N, C-alpha and C. Protein backbone atom coordinates (compact mmCIF):
# COMPACT_ATOMS: atom_id res chain seq x y z
N MET A 1 66.11 -64.45 45.70
CA MET A 1 66.60 -65.23 45.01
C MET A 1 65.89 -65.93 44.05
N CYS A 2 66.78 -66.35 42.69
CA CYS A 2 65.90 -66.45 41.56
C CYS A 2 66.62 -67.89 41.24
N VAL A 3 65.94 -68.66 40.87
CA VAL A 3 66.26 -70.06 40.44
C VAL A 3 65.59 -69.91 39.06
N GLU A 4 66.50 -70.13 38.10
CA GLU A 4 66.37 -70.01 36.82
C GLU A 4 67.16 -71.07 35.45
N PRO A 5 66.71 -71.85 34.89
CA PRO A 5 67.73 -72.58 34.29
C PRO A 5 68.34 -71.91 32.93
N SER A 6 67.38 -70.94 32.20
CA SER A 6 67.57 -70.35 31.14
C SER A 6 68.22 -69.16 31.10
N GLU A 7 69.41 -69.12 30.40
CA GLU A 7 70.17 -68.01 30.60
C GLU A 7 69.66 -66.46 30.15
N PRO A 8 68.91 -66.79 29.09
CA PRO A 8 68.36 -65.56 28.80
C PRO A 8 67.52 -64.73 29.87
N VAL A 9 66.68 -65.88 30.20
CA VAL A 9 65.37 -65.26 31.51
C VAL A 9 66.26 -64.98 32.43
N ARG A 10 67.41 -65.24 32.84
CA ARG A 10 68.09 -65.14 34.00
C ARG A 10 68.84 -63.65 33.86
N ARG A 11 68.74 -63.14 33.23
CA ARG A 11 69.05 -61.43 32.67
C ARG A 11 68.23 -60.51 33.35
N VAL A 12 66.88 -61.08 33.05
CA VAL A 12 65.88 -60.08 33.17
C VAL A 12 65.69 -59.99 35.03
N PRO A 13 66.29 -60.81 36.45
CA PRO A 13 66.29 -60.41 37.64
C PRO A 13 67.30 -59.73 37.98
N VAL A 14 68.68 -60.05 37.27
CA VAL A 14 69.90 -59.83 37.01
C VAL A 14 69.76 -58.16 36.88
N ARG A 15 69.22 -57.91 35.94
CA ARG A 15 68.79 -56.64 35.62
C ARG A 15 67.99 -55.41 36.77
N ALA A 16 66.85 -56.30 37.10
CA ALA A 16 65.89 -55.59 38.08
C ALA A 16 66.48 -55.57 39.51
N CYS A 17 67.29 -56.34 39.97
CA CYS A 17 67.58 -56.69 41.34
C CYS A 17 69.07 -57.24 41.26
N PRO A 18 70.15 -56.43 41.28
CA PRO A 18 71.31 -57.00 40.93
C PRO A 18 72.05 -57.38 42.28
N GLN A 19 70.97 -57.35 43.43
CA GLN A 19 71.68 -57.75 44.71
C GLN A 19 71.10 -59.04 45.15
N ALA A 20 70.27 -59.14 44.19
CA ALA A 20 69.37 -61.10 44.06
C ALA A 20 70.75 -61.82 43.88
N GLU A 21 70.49 -62.97 44.58
CA GLU A 21 71.43 -64.20 44.09
C GLU A 21 70.70 -64.75 43.04
N VAL A 22 70.96 -65.22 41.97
CA VAL A 22 70.33 -65.92 40.84
C VAL A 22 71.32 -67.03 40.64
N VAL A 23 70.36 -67.86 40.78
CA VAL A 23 70.87 -69.90 40.63
C VAL A 23 70.65 -70.17 39.35
N ALA A 24 71.63 -70.95 38.42
CA ALA A 24 71.34 -71.18 37.11
C ALA A 24 71.04 -73.04 37.40
N GLY A 25 70.11 -73.17 36.88
CA GLY A 25 69.67 -74.90 36.72
C GLY A 25 68.29 -75.15 37.39
N PRO A 26 67.94 -76.46 37.43
CA PRO A 26 66.59 -76.71 38.12
C PRO A 26 66.29 -76.45 39.37
N VAL A 27 65.17 -76.28 40.00
CA VAL A 27 64.81 -76.39 41.43
C VAL A 27 65.38 -76.96 41.97
N GLY A 28 65.19 -78.34 41.72
CA GLY A 28 65.39 -79.84 42.47
C GLY A 28 67.14 -79.97 42.48
N GLU A 29 67.66 -79.52 41.60
CA GLU A 29 69.37 -79.18 42.01
C GLU A 29 70.10 -78.13 42.43
N ALA A 30 69.08 -77.18 42.97
CA ALA A 30 69.88 -75.59 43.14
C ALA A 30 70.43 -75.60 44.40
N ARG A 31 71.88 -74.80 44.83
CA ARG A 31 72.41 -74.95 45.85
C ARG A 31 72.37 -73.35 46.25
N ILE A 32 71.60 -73.27 47.31
CA ILE A 32 71.15 -71.75 47.54
C ILE A 32 71.72 -71.31 48.73
N GLU A 33 72.76 -70.15 49.05
CA GLU A 33 73.76 -69.67 49.80
C GLU A 33 72.14 -68.55 50.54
N ALA A 34 71.45 -67.60 50.12
CA ALA A 34 70.91 -67.20 50.85
C ALA A 34 69.53 -67.69 51.88
N GLN A 35 69.56 -66.85 52.86
CA GLN A 35 68.37 -67.28 53.63
C GLN A 35 67.17 -66.70 53.59
N ALA A 36 65.76 -67.17 54.12
CA ALA A 36 64.27 -66.71 53.75
C ALA A 36 63.41 -67.04 54.74
N ASP A 37 62.80 -66.43 55.31
CA ASP A 37 61.63 -66.66 56.14
C ASP A 37 60.55 -67.34 55.10
N LEU A 38 60.21 -67.01 54.24
CA LEU A 38 59.31 -67.51 53.05
C LEU A 38 59.76 -67.38 51.86
N ALA A 39 60.01 -68.28 50.87
CA ALA A 39 59.98 -68.32 49.65
C ALA A 39 59.52 -69.11 48.93
N PRO A 40 58.25 -68.17 48.05
CA PRO A 40 57.29 -68.57 47.52
C PRO A 40 57.94 -69.02 46.22
N LEU A 41 57.17 -70.04 45.40
CA LEU A 41 58.14 -70.58 44.40
C LEU A 41 57.09 -70.92 43.30
N SER A 42 57.36 -70.57 41.83
CA SER A 42 56.07 -70.56 40.65
C SER A 42 56.42 -71.08 39.66
N HIS A 43 56.19 -71.66 38.68
CA HIS A 43 56.35 -71.97 37.54
C HIS A 43 57.51 -73.35 37.81
N VAL A 44 56.96 -74.41 38.62
CA VAL A 44 57.69 -75.30 38.44
C VAL A 44 56.79 -76.24 38.02
N ARG A 45 57.49 -77.40 37.33
CA ARG A 45 57.21 -78.05 36.41
C ARG A 45 58.07 -79.26 36.14
N SER A 46 57.44 -80.82 36.27
CA SER A 46 58.08 -82.07 36.01
C SER A 46 58.58 -82.32 34.66
N ARG A 47 59.26 -82.12 34.27
CA ARG A 47 59.85 -83.17 33.31
C ARG A 47 59.98 -84.53 33.05
N ARG A 48 58.66 -85.37 32.50
CA ARG A 48 58.66 -86.93 32.55
C ARG A 48 58.67 -87.33 31.19
């Protein structure tokens, strides 16, 4: 699964892993259907 607000950046995982669930929008607002035992997050930042 991939959560990415930027449309151009979402193209990368879609091409690399077409079966992955790619969700548009911020992590805090994402509604993800996939289930995982472990889901590491990276590049998460707060906009203040």
